[in-house]
Amino acid sequence: MKNVLFICSANRLRSPTAEHVFANMPNVETDSAGLKSSADVALSSEQVKWADIIFVMEKRHRAKLSQKYRKHLNGQRVIVLGIPDDYDYMDPDLVKLLQVKVRPYLR
């Protein structure tokens, strides 16, 4: 089983969409969170420790993750997807983009 964590800013659009899209993939457990303290689900150190691989939507998310949770990152791969905050929750274009960018890492 691979534990996969998706992170964006507010955990309202991009990361919850990613969590939903990959939730039923075999041998994959998903979760999502946001880096802002006002996020719907604010990122916790437990989530960071739980994850085998972490996907962030933007480079600034990786920088903030590394700065704030450095001591909890234990060799997990952190992948920047390069997906701007231009999509609604479950937007078909966002779903397609996530499938193209994430799937190769989950095989």
PDB file of N, CA and C in Angstrom:
ATOM      1  N   MET A   1       0.850  -1.182   0.000  1.00  0.00           N
ATOM      2  CA  MET A   1       0.000   0.000   0.000  1.00  0.00           C
ATOM      3  C   MET A   1       0.887   1.234   0.000  1.00  0.00           C
ATOM      4  N   LYS A   2       0.562   2.195  -0.857  1.00  0.00           N
ATOM      5  CA  LYS A   2       1.303   3.445  -0.948  1.00  0.00           C
ATOM      6  C   LYS A   2       0.424   4.559  -0.399  1.00  0.00           C
ATOM      7  N   ASN A   3       0.934   5.296   0.584  1.00  0.00           N
ATOM      8  CA  ASN A   3       0.216   6.431   1.179  1.00  0.00           C
ATOM      9  C   ASN A   3       0.580   7.702   0.420  1.00  0.00           C
ATOM     10  N   VAL A   4      -0.425   8.325  -0.182  1.00  0.00           N
ATOM     11  CA  VAL A   4      -0.211   9.473  -1.063  1.00  0.00           C
ATOM     12  C   VAL A   4      -0.935  10.690  -0.496  1.00  0.00           C
ATOM     13  N   LEU A   5      -0.183  11.769  -0.314  1.00  0.00           N
ATOM     14  CA  LEU A   5      -0.715  13.004   0.242  1.00  0.00           C
ATOM     15  C   LEU A   5      -0.664  14.104  -0.811  1.00  0.00           C
ATOM     16  N   PHE A   6      -1.798  14.797  -0.983  1.00  0.00           N
ATOM     17  CA  PHE A   6      -1.902  15.916  -1.916  1.00  0.00           C
ATOM     18  C   PHE A   6      -2.049  17.197  -1.113  1.00  0.00           C
ATOM     19  N   ILE A   7      -1.254  18.211  -1.476  1.00  0.00           N
ATOM     20  CA  ILE A   7      -1.243  19.466  -0.726  1.00  0.00           C
ATOM     21  C   ILE A   7      -1.424  20.652  -1.675  1.00  0.00           C
ATOM     22  N   CYS A   8      -2.303  21.572  -1.260  1.00  0.00           N
ATOM     23  CA  CYS A   8      -2.419  22.866  -1.927  1.00  0.00           C
ATOM     24  C   CYS A   8      -2.495  23.929  -0.830  1.00  0.00           C
ATOM     25  N   SER A   9      -3.048  25.076  -1.130  1.00  0.00           N
ATOM     26  CA  SER A   9      -3.085  26.144  -0.133  1.00  0.00           C
ATOM     27  C   SER A   9      -4.221  25.982   0.870  1.00  0.00           C
ATOM     28  N   ALA A  10      -5.457  25.881   0.360  1.00  0.00           N
ATOM     29  CA  ALA A  10      -6.625  25.928   1.241  1.00  0.00           C
ATOM     30  C   ALA A  10      -7.360  24.600   1.367  1.00  0.00           C
ATOM     31  N   ASN A  11      -6.952  23.578   0.641  1.00  0.00           N
ATOM     32  CA  ASN A  11      -7.608  22.268   0.666  1.00  0.00           C
ATOM     33  C   ASN A  11      -9.096  22.379   0.340  1.00  0.00           C
ATOM     34  N   ARG A  12      -9.391  23.206  -0.681  1.00  0.00           N
ATOM     35  CA  ARG A  12     -10.790  23.365  -1.087  1.00  0.00           C
ATOM     36  C   ARG A  12     -11.033  22.903  -2.521  1.00  0.00           C
ATOM     37  N   LEU A  13     -10.020  23.004  -3.387  1.00  0.00           N
ATOM     38  CA  LEU A  13     -10.242  22.732  -4.805  1.00  0.00           C
ATOM     39  C   LEU A  13      -9.280  21.679  -5.356  1.00  0.00           C
ATOM     40  N   ARG A  14      -8.006  22.009  -5.445  1.00  0.00           N
ATOM     41  CA  ARG A  14      -7.055  21.126  -6.127  1.00  0.00           C
ATOM     42  C   ARG A  14      -6.736  19.851  -5.353  1.00  0.00           C
ATOM     43  N   SER A  15      -6.282  19.977  -4.109  1.00  0.00           N
ATOM     44  CA  SER A  15      -5.884  18.764  -3.389  1.00  0.00           C
ATOM     45  C   SER A  15      -7.064  17.852  -3.057  1.00  0.00           C
ATOM     46  N   PRO A  16      -8.253  18.364  -2.705  1.00  0.00           N
ATOM     47  CA  PRO A  16      -9.369  17.432  -2.497  1.00  0.00           C
ATOM     48  C   PRO A  16      -9.793  16.740  -3.796  1.00  0.00           C
ATOM     49  N   THR A  17      -9.674  17.451  -4.918  1.00  0.00           N
ATOM     50  CA  THR A  17      -9.970  16.813  -6.207  1.00  0.00           C
ATOM     51  C   THR A  17      -9.004  15.666  -6.438  1.00  0.00           C
ATOM     52  N   ALA A  18      -7.720  15.906  -6.216  1.00  0.00           N
ATOM     53  CA  ALA A  18      -6.712  14.854  -6.407  1.00  0.00           C
ATOM     54  C   ALA A  18      -6.970  13.676  -5.473  1.00  0.00           C
ATOM     55  N   GLU A  19      -7.286  13.963  -4.229  1.00  0.00           N
ATOM     56  CA  GLU A  19      -7.584  12.892  -3.274  1.00  0.00           C
ATOM     57  C   GLU A  19      -8.742  12.034  -3.787  1.00  0.00           C
ATOM     58  N   HIS A  20      -9.781  12.677  -4.275  1.00  0.00           N
ATOM     59  CA  HIS A  20     -10.959  11.959  -4.773  1.00  0.00           C
ATOM     60  C   HIS A  20     -10.636  11.151  -6.037  1.00  0.00           C
ATOM     61  N   VAL A  21      -9.896  11.747  -6.957  1.00  0.00           N
ATOM     62  CA  VAL A  21      -9.585  11.092  -8.235  1.00  0.00           C
ATOM     63  C   VAL A  21      -8.818   9.788  -8.025  1.00  0.00           C
ATOM     64  N   PHE A  22      -7.897   9.767  -7.076  1.00  0.00           N
ATOM     65  CA  PHE A  22      -7.039   8.595  -6.895  1.00  0.00           C
ATOM     66  C   PHE A  22      -7.444   7.702  -5.720  1.00  0.00           C
ATOM     67  N   ALA A  23      -8.543   8.026  -5.059  1.00  0.00           N
ATOM     68  CA  ALA A  23      -8.970   7.288  -3.863  1.00  0.00           C
ATOM     69  C   ALA A  23      -9.278   5.819  -4.120  1.00  0.00           C
ATOM     70  N   ASN A  24      -9.733   5.484  -5.307  1.00  0.00           N
ATOM     71  CA  ASN A  24     -10.109   4.099  -5.595  1.00  0.00           C
ATOM     72  C   ASN A  24      -9.052   3.330  -6.376  1.00  0.00           C
ATOM     73  N   MET A  25      -7.874   3.915  -6.502  1.00  0.00           N
ATOM     74  CA  MET A  25      -6.794   3.240  -7.207  1.00  0.00           C
ATOM     75  C   MET A  25      -6.280   2.087  -6.338  1.00  0.00           C
ATOM     76  N   PRO A  26      -6.069   0.914  -6.918  1.00  0.00           N
ATOM     77  CA  PRO A  26      -5.586  -0.225  -6.124  1.00  0.00           C
ATOM     78  C   PRO A  26      -4.245   0.067  -5.453  1.00  0.00           C
ATOM     79  N   ASN A  27      -4.107  -0.376  -4.231  1.00  0.00           N
ATOM     80  CA  ASN A  27      -2.865  -0.259  -3.463  1.00  0.00           C
ATOM     81  C   ASN A  27      -2.440   1.184  -3.198  1.00  0.00           C
ATOM     82  N   VAL A  28      -3.395   2.097  -3.223  1.00  0.00           N
ATOM     83  CA  VAL A  28      -3.115   3.505  -2.954  1.00  0.00           C
ATOM     84  C   VAL A  28      -4.106   4.001  -1.908  1.00  0.00           C
ATOM     85  N   GLU A  29      -3.585   4.630  -0.867  1.00  0.00           N
ATOM     86  CA  GLU A  29      -4.393   5.296   0.155  1.00  0.00           C
ATOM     87  C   GLU A  29      -4.121   6.789  -0.009  1.00  0.00           C
ATOM     88  N   THR A  30      -5.184   7.608  -0.087  1.00  0.00           N
ATOM     89  CA  THR A  30      -5.000   9.035  -0.337  1.00  0.00           C
ATOM     90  C   THR A  30      -5.470   9.895   0.834  1.00  0.00           C
ATOM     91  N   ASP A  31      -4.891  11.090   0.899  1.00  0.00           N
ATOM     92  CA  ASP A  31      -5.294  12.102   1.862  1.00  0.00           C
ATOM     93  C   ASP A  31      -4.939  13.447   1.243  1.00  0.00           C
ATOM     94  N   SER A  32      -5.523  14.525   1.775  1.00  0.00           N
ATOM     95  CA  SER A  32      -5.194  15.855   1.275  1.00  0.00           C
ATOM     96  C   SER A  32      -5.260  16.859   2.412  1.00  0.00           C
ATOM     97  N   ALA A  33      -4.563  17.968   2.190  1.00  0.00           N
ATOM     98  CA  ALA A  33      -4.513  19.022   3.201  1.00  0.00           C
ATOM     99  C   ALA A  33      -4.074  20.322   2.539  1.00  0.00           C
ATOM    100  N   GLY A  34      -4.237  21.400   3.307  1.00  0.00           N
ATOM    101  CA  GLY A  34      -3.795  22.705   2.845  1.00  0.00           C
ATOM    102  C   GLY A  34      -2.741  23.269   3.778  1.00  0.00           C
ATOM    103  N   LEU A  35      -1.915  24.145   3.248  1.00  0.00           N
ATOM    104  CA  LEU A  35      -0.840  24.732   4.039  1.00  0.00           C
ATOM    105  C   LEU A  35      -1.256  25.966   4.833  1.00  0.00           C
ATOM    106  N   LYS A  36      -2.352  26.575   4.455  1.00  0.00           N
ATOM    107  CA  LYS A  36      -2.822  27.741   5.204  1.00  0.00           C
ATOM    108  C   LYS A  36      -3.472  27.284   6.500  1.00  0.00           C
ATOM    109  N   SER A  37      -3.344  28.090   7.540  1.00  0.00           N
ATOM    110  CA  SER A  37      -3.989  27.739   8.802  1.00  0.00           C
ATOM    111  C   SER A  37      -5.509  27.772   8.676  1.00  0.00           C
ATOM    112  N   SER A  38      -6.019  28.496   7.683  1.00  0.00           N
ATOM    113  CA  SER A  38      -7.467  28.574   7.444  1.00  0.00           C
ATOM    114  C   SER A  38      -7.965  27.497   6.474  1.00  0.00           C
ATOM    115  N   ALA A  39      -7.118  26.570   6.112  1.00  0.00           N
ATOM    116  CA  ALA A  39      -7.501  25.516   5.167  1.00  0.00           C
ATOM    117  C   ALA A  39      -8.626  24.662   5.736  1.00  0.00           C
ATOM    118  N   ASP A  40      -9.436  24.094   4.847  1.00  0.00           N
ATOM    119  CA  ASP A  40     -10.517  23.208   5.293  1.00  0.00           C
ATOM    120  C   ASP A  40      -9.949  22.081   6.144  1.00  0.00           C
ATOM    121  N   VAL A  41      -8.845  21.487   5.691  1.00  0.00           N
ATOM    122  CA  VAL A  41      -8.076  20.527   6.493  1.00  0.00           C
ATOM    123  C   VAL A  41      -6.643  21.043   6.479  1.00  0.00           C
ATOM    124  N   ALA A  42      -6.202  21.608   7.582  1.00  0.00           N
ATOM    125  CA  ALA A  42      -4.841  22.142   7.669  1.00  0.00           C
ATOM    126  C   ALA A  42      -3.851  20.987   7.827  1.00  0.00           C
ATOM    127  N   LEU A  43      -2.746  21.077   7.110  1.00  0.00           N
ATOM    128  CA  LEU A  43      -1.727  20.022   7.135  1.00  0.00           C
ATOM    129  C   LEU A  43      -1.204  19.804   8.547  1.00  0.00           C
ATOM    130  N   SER A  44      -1.060  18.528   8.909  1.00  0.00           N
ATOM    131  CA  SER A  44      -0.513  18.173  10.216  1.00  0.00           C
ATOM    132  C   SER A  44       0.786  17.399  10.050  1.00  0.00           C
ATOM    133  N   SER A  45       1.580  17.390  11.090  1.00  0.00           N
ATOM    134  CA  SER A  45       2.828  16.617  11.052  1.00  0.00           C
ATOM    135  C   SER A  45       2.521  15.127  10.910  1.00  0.00           C
ATOM    136  N   GLU A  46       1.399  14.672  11.455  1.00  0.00           N
ATOM    137  CA  GLU A  46       1.016  13.256  11.337  1.00  0.00           C
ATOM    138  C   GLU A  46       0.794  12.875   9.883  1.00  0.00           C
ATOM    139  N   GLN A  47       0.157  13.760   9.119  1.00  0.00           N
ATOM    140  CA  GLN A  47      -0.064  13.479   7.702  1.00  0.00           C
ATOM    141  C   GLN A  47       1.257  13.393   6.952  1.00  0.00           C
ATOM    142  N   VAL A  48       2.168  14.298   7.269  1.00  0.00           N
ATOM    143  CA  VAL A  48       3.470  14.295   6.599  1.00  0.00           C
ATOM    144  C   VAL A  48       4.215  13.001   6.909  1.00  0.00           C
ATOM    145  N   LYS A  49       4.213  12.580   8.155  1.00  0.00           N
ATOM    146  CA  LYS A  49       4.891  11.332   8.544  1.00  0.00           C
ATOM    147  C   LYS A  49       4.231  10.110   7.908  1.00  0.00           C
ATOM    148  N   TRP A  50       2.907  10.135   7.755  1.00  0.00           N
ATOM    149  CA  TRP A  50       2.131   9.035   7.188  1.00  0.00           C
ATOM    150  C   TRP A  50       2.448   8.800   5.710  1.00  0.00           C
ATOM    151  N   ALA A  51       2.721   9.885   4.984  1.00  0.00           N
ATOM    152  CA  ALA A  51       2.848   9.823   3.524  1.00  0.00           C
ATOM    153  C   ALA A  51       4.129   9.136   3.058  1.00  0.00           C
ATOM    154  N   ASP A  52       3.975   8.332   2.006  1.00  0.00           N
ATOM    155  CA  ASP A  52       5.133   7.765   1.304  1.00  0.00           C
ATOM    156  C   ASP A  52       5.585   8.698   0.187  1.00  0.00           C
ATOM    157  N   ILE A  53       4.624   9.357  -0.435  1.00  0.00           N
ATOM    158  CA  ILE A  53       4.896  10.314  -1.497  1.00  0.00           C
ATOM    159  C   ILE A  53       3.949  11.493  -1.318  1.00  0.00           C
ATOM    160  N   ILE A  54       4.478  12.700  -1.547  1.00  0.00           N
ATOM    161  CA  ILE A  54       3.706  13.926  -1.342  1.00  0.00           C
ATOM    162  C   ILE A  54       3.693  14.703  -2.654  1.00  0.00           C
ATOM    163  N   PHE A  55       2.494  15.072  -3.079  1.00  0.00           N
ATOM    164  CA  PHE A  55       2.334  15.907  -4.262  1.00  0.00           C
ATOM    165  C   PHE A  55       1.883  17.289  -3.816  1.00  0.00           C
ATOM    166  N   VAL A  56       2.607  18.315  -4.269  1.00  0.00           N
ATOM    167  CA  VAL A  56       2.217  19.699  -4.007  1.00  0.00           C
ATOM    168  C   VAL A  56       1.856  20.325  -5.348  1.00  0.00           C
ATOM    169  N   MET A  57       0.972  21.288  -5.318  1.00  0.00           N
ATOM    170  CA  MET A  57       0.485  21.871  -6.561  1.00  0.00           C
ATOM    171  C   MET A  57       1.447  22.904  -7.156  1.00  0.00           C
ATOM    172  N   GLU A  58       2.188  23.617  -6.305  1.00  0.00           N
ATOM    173  CA  GLU A  58       3.066  24.691  -6.778  1.00  0.00           C
ATOM    174  C   GLU A  58       4.410  24.635  -6.056  1.00  0.00           C
ATOM    175  N   LYS A  59       5.427  25.258  -6.662  1.00  0.00           N
ATOM    176  CA  LYS A  59       6.763  25.290  -6.047  1.00  0.00           C
ATOM    177  C   LYS A  59       6.737  25.946  -4.671  1.00  0.00           C
ATOM    178  N   ARG A  60       5.915  26.977  -4.516  1.00  0.00           N
ATOM    179  CA  ARG A  60       5.850  27.664  -3.219  1.00  0.00           C
ATOM    180  C   ARG A  60       5.321  26.728  -2.131  1.00  0.00           C
ATOM    181  N   HIS A  61       4.493  25.764  -2.513  1.00  0.00           N
ATOM    182  CA  HIS A  61       3.992  24.790  -1.541  1.00  0.00           C
ATOM    183  C   HIS A  61       5.128  23.889  -1.056  1.00  0.00           C
ATOM    184  N   ARG A  62       6.000  23.487  -1.972  1.00  0.00           N
ATOM    185  CA  ARG A  62       7.148  22.662  -1.574  1.00  0.00           C
ATOM    186  C   ARG A  62       8.057  23.440  -0.633  1.00  0.00           C
ATOM    187  N   ALA A  63       8.287  24.712  -0.929  1.00  0.00           N
ATOM    188  CA  ALA A  63       9.150  25.536  -0.073  1.00  0.00           C
ATOM    189  C   ALA A  63       8.552  25.668   1.329  1.00  0.00           C
ATOM    190  N   LYS A  64       7.257  25.938   1.403  1.00  0.00           N
ATOM    191  CA  LYS A  64       6.602  26.094   2.711  1.00  0.00           C
ATOM    192  C   LYS A  64       6.579  24.760   3.460  1.00  0.00           C
ATOM    193  N   LEU A  65       6.327  23.670   2.751  1.00  0.00           N
ATOM    194  CA  LEU A  65       6.344  22.335   3.356  1.00  0.00           C
ATOM    195  C   LEU A  65       7.723  22.036   3.938  1.00  0.00           C
ATOM    196  N   SER A  66       8.752  22.280   3.174  1.00  0.00           N
ATOM    197  CA  SER A  66      10.124  22.012   3.635  1.00  0.00           C
ATOM    198  C   SER A  66      10.495  22.887   4.821  1.00  0.00           C
ATOM    199  N   GLN A  67      10.052  24.127   4.798  1.00  0.00           N
ATOM    200  CA  GLN A  67      10.372  25.050   5.880  1.00  0.00           C
ATOM    201  C   GLN A  67       9.655  24.669   7.177  1.00  0.00           C
ATOM    202  N   LYS A  68       8.357  24.401   7.069  1.00  0.00           N
ATOM    203  CA  LYS A  68       7.548  24.190   8.265  1.00  0.00           C
ATOM    204  C   LYS A  68       7.598  22.753   8.802  1.00  0.00           C
ATOM    205  N   TYR A  69       7.811  21.778   7.921  1.00  0.00           N
ATOM    206  CA  TYR A  69       7.722  20.369   8.329  1.00  0.00           C
ATOM    207  C   TYR A  69       9.016  19.586   8.072  1.00  0.00           C
ATOM    208  N   ARG A  70      10.125  20.281   7.967  1.00  0.00           N
ATOM    209  CA  ARG A  70      11.417  19.652   7.660  1.00  0.00           C
ATOM    210  C   ARG A  70      11.718  18.454   8.547  1.00  0.00           C
ATOM    211  N   LYS A  71      11.497  18.568   9.852  1.00  0.00           N
ATOM    212  CA  LYS A  71      11.858  17.482  10.766  1.00  0.00           C
ATOM    213  C   LYS A  71      10.932  16.273  10.627  1.00  0.00           C
ATOM    214  N   HIS A  72       9.794  16.440   9.956  1.00  0.00           N
ATOM    215  CA  HIS A  72       8.861  15.328   9.768  1.00  0.00           C
ATOM    216  C   HIS A  72       9.014  14.657   8.411  1.00  0.00           C
ATOM    217  N   LEU A  73       9.742  15.301   7.512  1.00  0.00           N
ATOM    218  CA  LEU A  73      10.009  14.707   6.206  1.00  0.00           C
ATOM    219  C   LEU A  73      11.159  13.714   6.367  1.00  0.00           C
ATOM    220  N   ASN A  74      10.873  12.473   6.102  1.00  0.00           N
ATOM    221  CA  ASN A  74      11.887  11.430   6.275  1.00  0.00           C
ATOM    222  C   ASN A  74      12.153  10.713   4.964  1.00  0.00           C
ATOM    223  N   GLY A  75      12.628  11.458   3.996  1.00  0.00           N
ATOM    224  CA  GLY A  75      12.973  10.857   2.713  1.00  0.00           C
ATOM    225  C   GLY A  75      11.799  10.673   1.772  1.00  0.00           C
ATOM    226  N   GLN A  76      10.622  11.188   2.137  1.00  0.00           N
ATOM    227  CA  GLN A  76       9.506  11.092   1.217  1.00  0.00           C
ATOM    228  C   GLN A  76       9.814  11.900  -0.043  1.00  0.00           C
ATOM    229  N   ARG A  77       9.340  11.382  -1.137  1.00  0.00           N
ATOM    230  CA  ARG A  77       9.481  12.107  -2.384  1.00  0.00           C
ATOM    231  C   ARG A  77       8.427  13.208  -2.406  1.00  0.00           C
ATOM    232  N   VAL A  78       8.835  14.439  -2.730  1.00  0.00           N
ATOM    233  CA  VAL A  78       7.912  15.566  -2.845  1.00  0.00           C
ATOM    234  C   VAL A  78       7.919  16.004  -4.309  1.00  0.00           C
ATOM    235  N   ILE A  79       6.767  15.857  -4.950  1.00  0.00           N
ATOM    236  CA  ILE A  79       6.636  16.155  -6.374  1.00  0.00           C
ATOM    237  C   ILE A  79       5.832  17.438  -6.550  1.00  0.00           C
ATOM    238  N   VAL A  80       6.391  18.385  -7.316  1.00  0.00           N
ATOM    239  CA  VAL A  80       5.672  19.618  -7.657  1.00  0.00           C
ATOM    240  C   VAL A  80       4.935  19.371  -8.970  1.00  0.00           C
ATOM    241  N   LEU A  81       3.612  19.497  -8.926  1.00  0.00           N
ATOM    242  CA  LEU A  81       2.801  19.228 -10.112  1.00  0.00           C
ATOM    243  C   LEU A  81       2.680  20.429 -11.043  1.00  0.00           C
ATOM    244  N   GLY A  82       2.932  21.618 -10.551  1.00  0.00           N
ATOM    245  CA  GLY A  82       2.849  22.809 -11.390  1.00  0.00           C
ATOM    246  C   GLY A  82       1.420  23.097 -11.857  1.00  0.00           C
ATOM    247  N   ILE A  83       0.467  22.953 -10.953  1.00  0.00           N
ATOM    248  CA  ILE A  83      -0.940  23.198 -11.281  1.00  0.00           C
ATOM    249  C   ILE A  83      -1.392  24.466 -10.553  1.00  0.00           C
ATOM    250  N   PRO A  84      -1.676  25.536 -11.317  1.00  0.00           N
ATOM    251  CA  PRO A  84      -2.091  26.802 -10.692  1.00  0.00           C
ATOM    252  C   PRO A  84      -3.496  26.709 -10.113  1.00  0.00           C
ATOM    253  N   ASP A  85      -3.833  27.678  -9.289  1.00  0.00           N
ATOM    254  CA  ASP A  85      -5.131  27.726  -8.625  1.00  0.00           C
ATOM    255  C   ASP A  85      -6.177  28.334  -9.565  1.00  0.00           C
ATOM    256  N   ASP A  86      -6.404  27.658 -10.691  1.00  0.00           N
ATOM    257  CA  ASP A  86      -7.311  28.149 -11.724  1.00  0.00           C
ATOM    258  C   ASP A  86      -8.507  27.236 -11.955  1.00  0.00           C
ATOM    259  N   TYR A  87      -8.738  26.290 -11.073  1.00  0.00           N
ATOM    260  CA  TYR A  87      -9.755  25.268 -11.311  1.00  0.00           C
ATOM    261  C   TYR A  87     -10.735  25.175 -10.143  1.00  0.00           C
ATOM    262  N   ASP A  88     -11.946  24.735 -10.463  1.00  0.00           N
ATOM    263  CA  ASP A  88     -12.942  24.443  -9.443  1.00  0.00           C
ATOM    264  C   ASP A  88     -12.769  22.998  -8.997  1.00  0.00           C
ATOM    265  N   TYR A  89     -13.402  22.653  -7.896  1.00  0.00           N
ATOM    266  CA  TYR A  89     -13.392  21.277  -7.404  1.00  0.00           C
ATOM    267  C   TYR A  89     -13.972  20.345  -8.474  1.00  0.00           C
ATOM    268  N   MET A  90     -13.273  19.287  -8.781  1.00  0.00           N
ATOM    269  CA  MET A  90     -13.651  18.259  -9.751  1.00  0.00           C
ATOM    270  C   MET A  90     -13.842  18.813 -11.165  1.00  0.00           C
ATOM    271  N   ASP A  91     -13.215  19.925 -11.471  1.00  0.00           N
ATOM    272  CA  ASP A  91     -13.225  20.472 -12.833  1.00  0.00           C
ATOM    273  C   ASP A  91     -12.674  19.398 -13.771  1.00  0.00           C
ATOM    274  N   PRO A  92     -13.377  19.067 -14.854  1.00  0.00           N
ATOM    275  CA  PRO A  92     -12.899  18.012 -15.756  1.00  0.00           C
ATOM    276  C   PRO A  92     -11.483  18.254 -16.292  1.00  0.00           C
ATOM    277  N   ASP A  93     -11.125  19.513 -16.541  1.00  0.00           N
ATOM    278  CA  ASP A  93      -9.764  19.817 -17.004  1.00  0.00           C
ATOM    279  C   ASP A  93      -8.735  19.551 -15.912  1.00  0.00           C
ATOM    280  N   LEU A  94      -9.090  19.847 -14.667  1.00  0.00           N
ATOM    281  CA  LEU A  94      -8.201  19.557 -13.542  1.00  0.00           C
ATOM    282  C   LEU A  94      -8.032  18.049 -13.374  1.00  0.00           C
ATOM    283  N   VAL A  95      -9.120  17.318 -13.480  1.00  0.00           N
ATOM    284  CA  VAL A  95      -9.060  15.855 -13.348  1.00  0.00           C
ATOM    285  C   VAL A  95      -8.121  15.261 -14.403  1.00  0.00           C
ATOM    286  N   LYS A  96      -8.262  15.701 -15.647  1.00  0.00           N
ATOM    287  CA  LYS A  96      -7.396  15.209 -16.734  1.00  0.00           C
ATOM    288  C   LYS A  96      -5.935  15.540 -16.455  1.00  0.00           C
ATOM    289  N   LEU A  97      -5.691  16.771 -16.034  1.00  0.00           N
ATOM    290  CA  LEU A  97      -4.329  17.222 -15.742  1.00  0.00           C
ATOM    291  C   LEU A  97      -3.710  16.392 -14.617  1.00  0.00           C
ATOM    292  N   LEU A  98      -4.474  16.157 -13.574  1.00  0.00           N
ATOM    293  CA  LEU A  98      -3.985  15.339 -12.459  1.00  0.00           C
ATOM    294  C   LEU A  98      -3.668  13.919 -12.918  1.00  0.00           C
ATOM    295  N   GLN A  99      -4.532  13.342 -13.729  1.00  0.00           N
ATOM    296  CA  GLN A  99      -4.293  11.981 -14.198  1.00  0.00           C
ATOM    297  C   GLN A  99      -3.003  11.890 -15.004  1.00  0.00           C
ATOM    298  N   VAL A 100      -2.769  12.871 -15.851  1.00  0.00           N
ATOM    299  CA  VAL A 100      -1.548  12.885 -16.663  1.00  0.00           C
ATOM    300  C   VAL A 100      -0.299  13.055 -15.797  1.00  0.00           C
ATOM    301  N   LYS A 101      -0.371  13.955 -14.820  1.00  0.00           N
ATOM    302  CA  LYS A 101       0.819  14.285 -14.030  1.00  0.00           C
ATOM    303  C   LYS A 101       1.085  13.330 -12.869  1.00  0.00           C
ATOM    304  N   VAL A 102       0.056  12.750 -12.274  1.00  0.00           N
ATOM    305  CA  VAL A 102       0.233  11.920 -11.070  1.00  0.00           C
ATOM    306  C   VAL A 102       0.370  10.435 -11.372  1.00  0.00           C
ATOM    307  N   ARG A 103      -0.430   9.931 -12.295  1.00  0.00           N
ATOM    308  CA  ARG A 103      -0.471   8.492 -12.567  1.00  0.00           C
ATOM    309  C   ARG A 103       0.894   7.840 -12.763  1.00  0.00           C
ATOM    310  N   PRO A 104       1.812   8.457 -13.509  1.00  0.00           N
ATOM    311  CA  PRO A 104       3.123   7.810 -13.705  1.00  0.00           C
ATOM    312  C   PRO A 104       3.865   7.505 -12.382  1.00  0.00           C
ATOM    313  N   TYR A 105       3.611   8.288 -11.356  1.00  0.00           N
ATOM    314  CA  TYR A 105       4.284   8.072 -10.062  1.00  0.00           C
ATOM    315  C   TYR A 105       3.616   6.987  -9.217  1.00  0.00           C
ATOM    316  N   LEU A 106       2.407   6.597  -9.591  1.00  0.00           N
ATOM    317  CA  LEU A 106       1.653   5.650  -8.770  1.00  0.00           C
ATOM    318  C   LEU A 106       1.603   4.247  -9.374  1.00  0.00           C
ATOM    319  N   ARG A 107       2.319   4.004 -10.415  1.00  0.00           N
ATOM    320  CA  ARG A 107       2.324   2.671 -11.042  1.00  0.00           C
ATOM    321  C   ARG A 107       3.198   1.726 -10.289  1.00  0.00           C
TER     322      ARG A 107
END
